[in-house]
Amino acid sequence: MIGFIALAGIIVRNSILLIDFIRHAEQGERTLVEVLIEAGAVRFKPILLTALAAMIGAAVILFDPIFQGLAISLLFGLISSTLLTVLVIPAIYVAIRGKTGPTTTVRGRVAAAG
């Protein structure tokens, strides 16, 4: 249960930061796909560093027989959640957002151009 809570915190934090970066970057004249690629490229390193730091912390308790299960679940959870955050969150964003054309800001709202 502790590992689940720790993983949930890291996943939610990374996802929120990625979505926030996308929302701020899409107010220009670029397509949504270009914005998503830029967001993935810019935010990948911080997401990876967060996961690596947590993995190093989990590796420390890997050899303790009591906490070994927690460490293994954290390690594999961090690997899979990092990949899912970078790949699935942008895909869900496109599915929810719908259009991938250029976006422009109209009176404080983001509207699809074209």
N, C-alpha and C. Protein backbone atom coordinates (compact mmCIF):
# COMPACT_ATOMS: atom_id res chain seq x y z
N MET A 1 0.82 -1.19 0.00
CA MET A 1 0.00 0.00 0.00
C MET A 1 0.87 1.26 0.00
N ILE A 2 1.97 1.22 0.71
CA ILE A 2 2.86 2.38 0.76
C ILE A 2 3.47 2.62 -0.63
N GLY A 3 3.84 1.55 -1.31
CA GLY A 3 4.40 1.69 -2.65
C GLY A 3 3.39 2.27 -3.62
N PHE A 4 2.13 1.87 -3.49
CA PHE A 4 1.08 2.40 -4.36
C PHE A 4 0.90 3.90 -4.15
N ILE A 5 0.94 4.33 -2.91
CA ILE A 5 0.79 5.75 -2.60
C ILE A 5 1.97 6.55 -3.14
N ALA A 6 3.18 6.00 -2.97
CA ALA A 6 4.37 6.68 -3.48
C ALA A 6 4.33 6.79 -5.00
N LEU A 7 3.96 5.69 -5.67
CA LEU A 7 3.88 5.71 -7.13
C LEU A 7 2.80 6.66 -7.62
N ALA A 8 1.66 6.67 -6.95
CA ALA A 8 0.57 7.55 -7.37
C ALA A 8 1.00 9.01 -7.28
N GLY A 9 1.72 9.38 -6.26
CA GLY A 9 2.18 10.75 -6.12
C GLY A 9 3.12 11.15 -7.24
N ILE A 10 4.04 10.27 -7.58
CA ILE A 10 5.00 10.58 -8.64
C ILE A 10 4.31 10.65 -10.00
N ILE A 11 3.41 9.71 -10.27
CA ILE A 11 2.71 9.68 -11.56
C ILE A 11 1.85 10.92 -11.73
N VAL A 12 1.10 11.28 -10.71
CA VAL A 12 0.21 12.44 -10.79
C VAL A 12 1.03 13.72 -10.97
N ARG A 13 2.12 13.85 -10.25
CA ARG A 13 2.97 15.04 -10.36
C ARG A 13 3.52 15.18 -11.78
N ASN A 14 4.06 14.10 -12.32
CA ASN A 14 4.62 14.14 -13.67
C ASN A 14 3.55 14.44 -14.71
N SER A 15 2.38 13.85 -14.55
CA SER A 15 1.31 14.06 -15.52
C SER A 15 0.80 15.50 -15.48
N ILE A 16 0.64 16.03 -14.28
CA ILE A 16 0.17 17.42 -14.16
C ILE A 16 1.17 18.39 -14.77
N LEU A 17 2.45 18.18 -14.52
CA LEU A 17 3.46 19.06 -15.09
C LEU A 17 3.50 18.97 -16.62
N LEU A 18 3.31 17.77 -17.15
CA LEU A 18 3.30 17.60 -18.60
C LEU A 18 2.09 18.29 -19.22
N ILE A 19 0.92 18.09 -18.64
CA ILE A 19 -0.29 18.74 -19.16
C ILE A 19 -0.20 20.26 -19.03
N ASP A 20 0.35 20.74 -17.92
CA ASP A 20 0.51 22.19 -17.74
C ASP A 20 1.43 22.77 -18.80
N PHE A 21 2.52 22.08 -19.10
CA PHE A 21 3.44 22.53 -20.13
C PHE A 21 2.75 22.56 -21.49
N ILE A 22 1.95 21.54 -21.78
CA ILE A 22 1.23 21.48 -23.06
C ILE A 22 0.24 22.64 -23.16
N ARG A 23 -0.50 22.89 -22.11
CA ARG A 23 -1.52 23.95 -22.15
C ARG A 23 -0.89 25.33 -22.33
N HIS A 24 0.27 25.56 -21.72
CA HIS A 24 0.93 26.86 -21.89
C HIS A 24 1.58 26.99 -23.27
N ALA A 25 2.05 25.90 -23.82
CA ALA A 25 2.75 25.95 -25.11
C ALA A 25 1.81 25.99 -26.29
N GLU A 26 0.56 25.57 -26.13
CA GLU A 26 -0.33 25.48 -27.28
C GLU A 26 -1.04 26.79 -27.62
N GLN A 27 -0.66 27.88 -27.01
CA GLN A 27 -1.31 29.14 -27.31
C GLN A 27 -0.69 29.86 -28.50
N GLY A 28 0.23 29.22 -29.17
CA GLY A 28 0.86 29.81 -30.35
C GLY A 28 0.17 29.34 -31.62
N GLU A 29 0.89 29.43 -32.71
CA GLU A 29 0.35 29.06 -34.02
C GLU A 29 0.80 27.67 -34.45
N ARG A 30 1.25 26.87 -33.52
CA ARG A 30 1.72 25.52 -33.86
C ARG A 30 0.58 24.51 -33.73
N THR A 31 0.74 23.38 -34.40
CA THR A 31 -0.27 22.33 -34.29
C THR A 31 -0.12 21.64 -32.93
N LEU A 32 -1.17 20.93 -32.55
CA LEU A 32 -1.16 20.22 -31.28
C LEU A 32 -0.09 19.14 -31.26
N VAL A 33 0.11 18.49 -32.37
CA VAL A 33 1.13 17.44 -32.45
C VAL A 33 2.52 18.03 -32.21
N GLU A 34 2.81 19.19 -32.79
CA GLU A 34 4.11 19.84 -32.56
C GLU A 34 4.28 20.21 -31.09
N VAL A 35 3.21 20.71 -30.48
CA VAL A 35 3.27 21.07 -29.07
C VAL A 35 3.51 19.84 -28.21
N LEU A 36 2.84 18.74 -28.53
CA LEU A 36 3.01 17.51 -27.76
C LEU A 36 4.42 16.94 -27.89
N ILE A 37 4.98 17.03 -29.07
CA ILE A 37 6.35 16.55 -29.26
C ILE A 37 7.33 17.42 -28.48
N GLU A 38 7.14 18.73 -28.54
CA GLU A 38 8.02 19.63 -27.77
C GLU A 38 7.88 19.38 -26.27
N ALA A 39 6.65 19.22 -25.80
CA ALA A 39 6.43 18.98 -24.38
C ALA A 39 7.08 17.67 -23.93
N GLY A 40 6.95 16.65 -24.75
CA GLY A 40 7.60 15.38 -24.42
C GLY A 40 9.11 15.49 -24.39
N ALA A 41 9.66 16.25 -25.32
CA ALA A 41 11.11 16.41 -25.36
C ALA A 41 11.63 17.23 -24.19
N VAL A 42 10.91 18.30 -23.85
CA VAL A 42 11.37 19.19 -22.78
C VAL A 42 11.16 18.56 -21.41
N ARG A 43 10.03 17.91 -21.20
CA ARG A 43 9.69 17.37 -19.88
C ARG A 43 10.24 15.97 -19.64
N PHE A 44 10.79 15.30 -20.68
CA PHE A 44 11.26 13.93 -20.51
C PHE A 44 12.41 13.84 -19.51
N LYS A 45 13.35 14.75 -19.61
CA LYS A 45 14.51 14.70 -18.71
C LYS A 45 14.10 14.87 -17.24
N PRO A 46 13.28 15.87 -16.88
CA PRO A 46 12.86 15.97 -15.48
C PRO A 46 12.04 14.76 -15.00
N ILE A 47 11.20 14.21 -15.87
CA ILE A 47 10.43 13.02 -15.50
C ILE A 47 11.37 11.85 -15.27
N LEU A 48 12.34 11.69 -16.15
CA LEU A 48 13.30 10.60 -16.01
C LEU A 48 14.17 10.76 -14.76
N LEU A 49 14.59 11.99 -14.47
CA LEU A 49 15.40 12.22 -13.27
C LEU A 49 14.62 11.95 -11.99
N THR A 50 13.35 12.30 -11.97
CA THR A 50 12.51 12.00 -10.81
C THR A 50 12.40 10.49 -10.62
N ALA A 51 12.17 9.77 -11.71
CA ALA A 51 12.06 8.31 -11.62
C ALA A 51 13.38 7.68 -11.20
N LEU A 52 14.49 8.16 -11.74
CA LEU A 52 15.79 7.60 -11.37
C LEU A 52 16.12 7.85 -9.90
N ALA A 53 15.79 9.02 -9.39
CA ALA A 53 16.04 9.31 -7.98
C ALA A 53 15.22 8.37 -7.08
N ALA A 54 13.97 8.15 -7.45
CA ALA A 54 13.13 7.23 -6.67
C ALA A 54 13.63 5.79 -6.80
N MET A 55 14.14 5.43 -7.98
CA MET A 55 14.67 4.08 -8.17
C MET A 55 15.92 3.85 -7.33
N ILE A 56 16.77 4.84 -7.25
CA ILE A 56 17.97 4.72 -6.41
C ILE A 56 17.57 4.56 -4.95
N GLY A 57 16.56 5.32 -4.52
CA GLY A 57 16.07 5.17 -3.15
C GLY A 57 15.47 3.80 -2.91
N ALA A 58 14.77 3.24 -3.90
CA ALA A 58 14.19 1.91 -3.75
C ALA A 58 15.26 0.83 -3.80
N ALA A 59 16.32 1.08 -4.57
CA ALA A 59 17.40 0.08 -4.67
C ALA A 59 18.13 -0.08 -3.35
N VAL A 60 18.13 0.94 -2.54
CA VAL A 60 18.79 0.86 -1.23
C VAL A 60 18.11 -0.19 -0.35
N ILE A 61 16.77 -0.26 -0.42
CA ILE A 61 16.05 -1.22 0.43
C ILE A 61 15.80 -2.55 -0.27
N LEU A 62 16.36 -2.73 -1.45
CA LEU A 62 16.16 -3.96 -2.22
C LEU A 62 16.72 -5.19 -1.51
N PHE A 63 17.77 -5.03 -0.75
CA PHE A 63 18.42 -6.17 -0.11
C PHE A 63 17.93 -6.44 1.31
N ASP A 64 16.96 -5.67 1.76
CA ASP A 64 16.34 -5.90 3.06
C ASP A 64 15.20 -6.90 2.87
N PRO A 65 15.23 -8.04 3.56
CA PRO A 65 14.20 -9.06 3.31
C PRO A 65 12.78 -8.60 3.66
N ILE A 66 12.64 -7.67 4.57
CA ILE A 66 11.31 -7.21 4.96
C ILE A 66 10.72 -6.29 3.90
N PHE A 67 11.53 -5.39 3.35
CA PHE A 67 11.05 -4.40 2.40
C PHE A 67 11.38 -4.72 0.95
N GLN A 68 11.83 -5.93 0.68
CA GLN A 68 12.22 -6.29 -0.67
C GLN A 68 11.03 -6.23 -1.65
N GLY A 69 9.87 -6.69 -1.23
CA GLY A 69 8.68 -6.62 -2.09
C GLY A 69 8.31 -5.19 -2.44
N LEU A 70 8.41 -4.31 -1.46
CA LEU A 70 8.13 -2.89 -1.69
C LEU A 70 9.11 -2.32 -2.70
N ALA A 71 10.37 -2.65 -2.56
CA ALA A 71 11.39 -2.13 -3.47
C ALA A 71 11.17 -2.63 -4.89
N ILE A 72 10.84 -3.91 -5.04
CA ILE A 72 10.61 -4.46 -6.38
C ILE A 72 9.39 -3.82 -7.02
N SER A 73 8.32 -3.66 -6.26
CA SER A 73 7.13 -3.03 -6.83
C SER A 73 7.39 -1.57 -7.19
N LEU A 74 8.17 -0.87 -6.39
CA LEU A 74 8.51 0.52 -6.71
C LEU A 74 9.36 0.59 -7.98
N LEU A 75 10.35 -0.28 -8.10
CA LEU A 75 11.22 -0.24 -9.27
C LEU A 75 10.45 -0.48 -10.57
N PHE A 76 9.67 -1.56 -10.60
CA PHE A 76 8.92 -1.85 -11.83
C PHE A 76 7.79 -0.85 -12.05
N GLY A 77 7.19 -0.37 -10.99
CA GLY A 77 6.16 0.65 -11.12
C GLY A 77 6.70 1.96 -11.66
N LEU A 78 7.89 2.33 -11.23
CA LEU A 78 8.50 3.57 -11.73
C LEU A 78 8.88 3.46 -13.20
N ILE A 79 9.39 2.31 -13.59
CA ILE A 79 9.75 2.12 -15.01
C ILE A 79 8.50 2.20 -15.88
N SER A 80 7.46 1.47 -15.51
CA SER A 80 6.25 1.47 -16.33
C SER A 80 5.53 2.81 -16.28
N SER A 81 5.49 3.45 -15.13
CA SER A 81 4.78 4.73 -15.04
C SER A 81 5.50 5.83 -15.81
N THR A 82 6.82 5.78 -15.86
CA THR A 82 7.56 6.77 -16.64
C THR A 82 7.24 6.62 -18.12
N LEU A 83 7.24 5.41 -18.61
CA LEU A 83 6.90 5.18 -20.02
C LEU A 83 5.46 5.56 -20.31
N LEU A 84 4.56 5.20 -19.40
CA LEU A 84 3.16 5.53 -19.62
C LEU A 84 2.91 7.03 -19.58
N THR A 85 3.60 7.73 -18.69
CA THR A 85 3.43 9.18 -18.60
C THR A 85 3.86 9.86 -19.89
N VAL A 86 4.98 9.43 -20.43
CA VAL A 86 5.52 10.08 -21.63
C VAL A 86 4.72 9.70 -22.89
N LEU A 87 4.17 8.49 -22.93
CA LEU A 87 3.49 8.03 -24.13
C LEU A 87 1.97 8.14 -24.06
N VAL A 88 1.37 7.77 -22.94
CA VAL A 88 -0.08 7.66 -22.87
C VAL A 88 -0.75 9.00 -22.57
N ILE A 89 -0.16 9.82 -21.72
CA ILE A 89 -0.78 11.10 -21.37
C ILE A 89 -0.96 11.99 -22.62
N PRO A 90 0.05 12.13 -23.49
CA PRO A 90 -0.20 12.91 -24.72
C PRO A 90 -1.26 12.28 -25.62
N ALA A 91 -1.31 10.95 -25.68
CA ALA A 91 -2.33 10.29 -26.50
C ALA A 91 -3.73 10.55 -25.95
N ILE A 92 -3.89 10.50 -24.65
CA ILE A 92 -5.18 10.80 -24.03
C ILE A 92 -5.54 12.27 -24.26
N TYR A 93 -4.54 13.14 -24.20
CA TYR A 93 -4.78 14.57 -24.43
C TYR A 93 -5.32 14.81 -25.84
N VAL A 94 -4.74 14.14 -26.82
CA VAL A 94 -5.21 14.26 -28.20
C VAL A 94 -6.62 13.69 -28.32
N ALA A 95 -6.89 12.57 -27.67
CA ALA A 95 -8.21 11.95 -27.76
C ALA A 95 -9.28 12.85 -27.14
N ILE A 96 -8.96 13.48 -26.03
CA ILE A 96 -9.93 14.36 -25.38
C ILE A 96 -10.06 15.68 -26.13
N ARG A 97 -8.95 16.23 -26.54
CA ARG A 97 -8.94 17.53 -27.22
C ARG A 97 -9.56 17.44 -28.60
N GLY A 98 -9.29 16.35 -29.31
CA GLY A 98 -9.96 16.12 -30.59
C GLY A 98 -9.23 16.63 -31.80
N LYS A 99 -9.02 17.93 -31.91
CA LYS A 99 -8.42 18.49 -33.12
C LYS A 99 -6.92 18.65 -32.95
N THR A 100 -6.20 18.49 -34.06
CA THR A 100 -4.75 18.61 -34.00
C THR A 100 -4.23 19.75 -34.86
N GLY A 101 -5.12 20.61 -35.35
CA GLY A 101 -4.71 21.74 -36.19
C GLY A 101 -4.11 22.85 -35.36
N PRO A 102 -3.68 23.94 -36.02
CA PRO A 102 -3.12 25.08 -35.28
C PRO A 102 -4.15 25.68 -34.34
N THR A 103 -3.69 26.19 -33.22
CA THR A 103 -4.59 26.80 -32.25
C THR A 103 -4.29 28.28 -32.11
N THR A 104 -5.32 29.05 -31.86
CA THR A 104 -5.14 30.48 -31.61
C THR A 104 -5.97 30.85 -30.38
N THR A 105 -5.57 31.90 -29.72
CA THR A 105 -6.29 32.36 -28.54
C THR A 105 -7.30 33.43 -28.95
N VAL A 106 -8.56 33.22 -28.58
CA VAL A 106 -9.63 34.17 -28.89
C VAL A 106 -10.32 34.55 -27.58
N ARG A 107 -10.11 35.80 -27.14
CA ARG A 107 -10.74 36.31 -25.93
C ARG A 107 -10.55 35.40 -24.72
N GLY A 108 -9.34 34.97 -24.51
CA GLY A 108 -9.03 34.15 -23.34
C GLY A 108 -9.32 32.67 -23.52
N ARG A 109 -9.92 32.28 -24.63
CA ARG A 109 -10.20 30.87 -24.88
C ARG A 109 -9.30 30.37 -25.98
N VAL A 110 -9.03 29.08 -25.94
CA VAL A 110 -8.25 28.47 -27.01
C VAL A 110 -9.24 27.86 -27.99
N ALA A 111 -9.17 28.28 -29.24
CA ALA A 111 -10.08 27.79 -30.25
C ALA A 111 -9.26 27.22 -31.41
N ALA A 112 -9.75 26.16 -32.01
CA ALA A 112 -9.03 25.56 -33.12
C ALA A 112 -9.17 26.45 -34.36
N ALA A 113 -8.05 26.70 -35.00
CA ALA A 113 -8.06 27.51 -36.21
C ALA A 113 -8.21 26.60 -37.41
N GLY A 114 -8.96 27.03 -38.39
CA GLY A 114 -9.07 26.27 -39.63
C GLY A 114 -10.26 25.46 -39.76
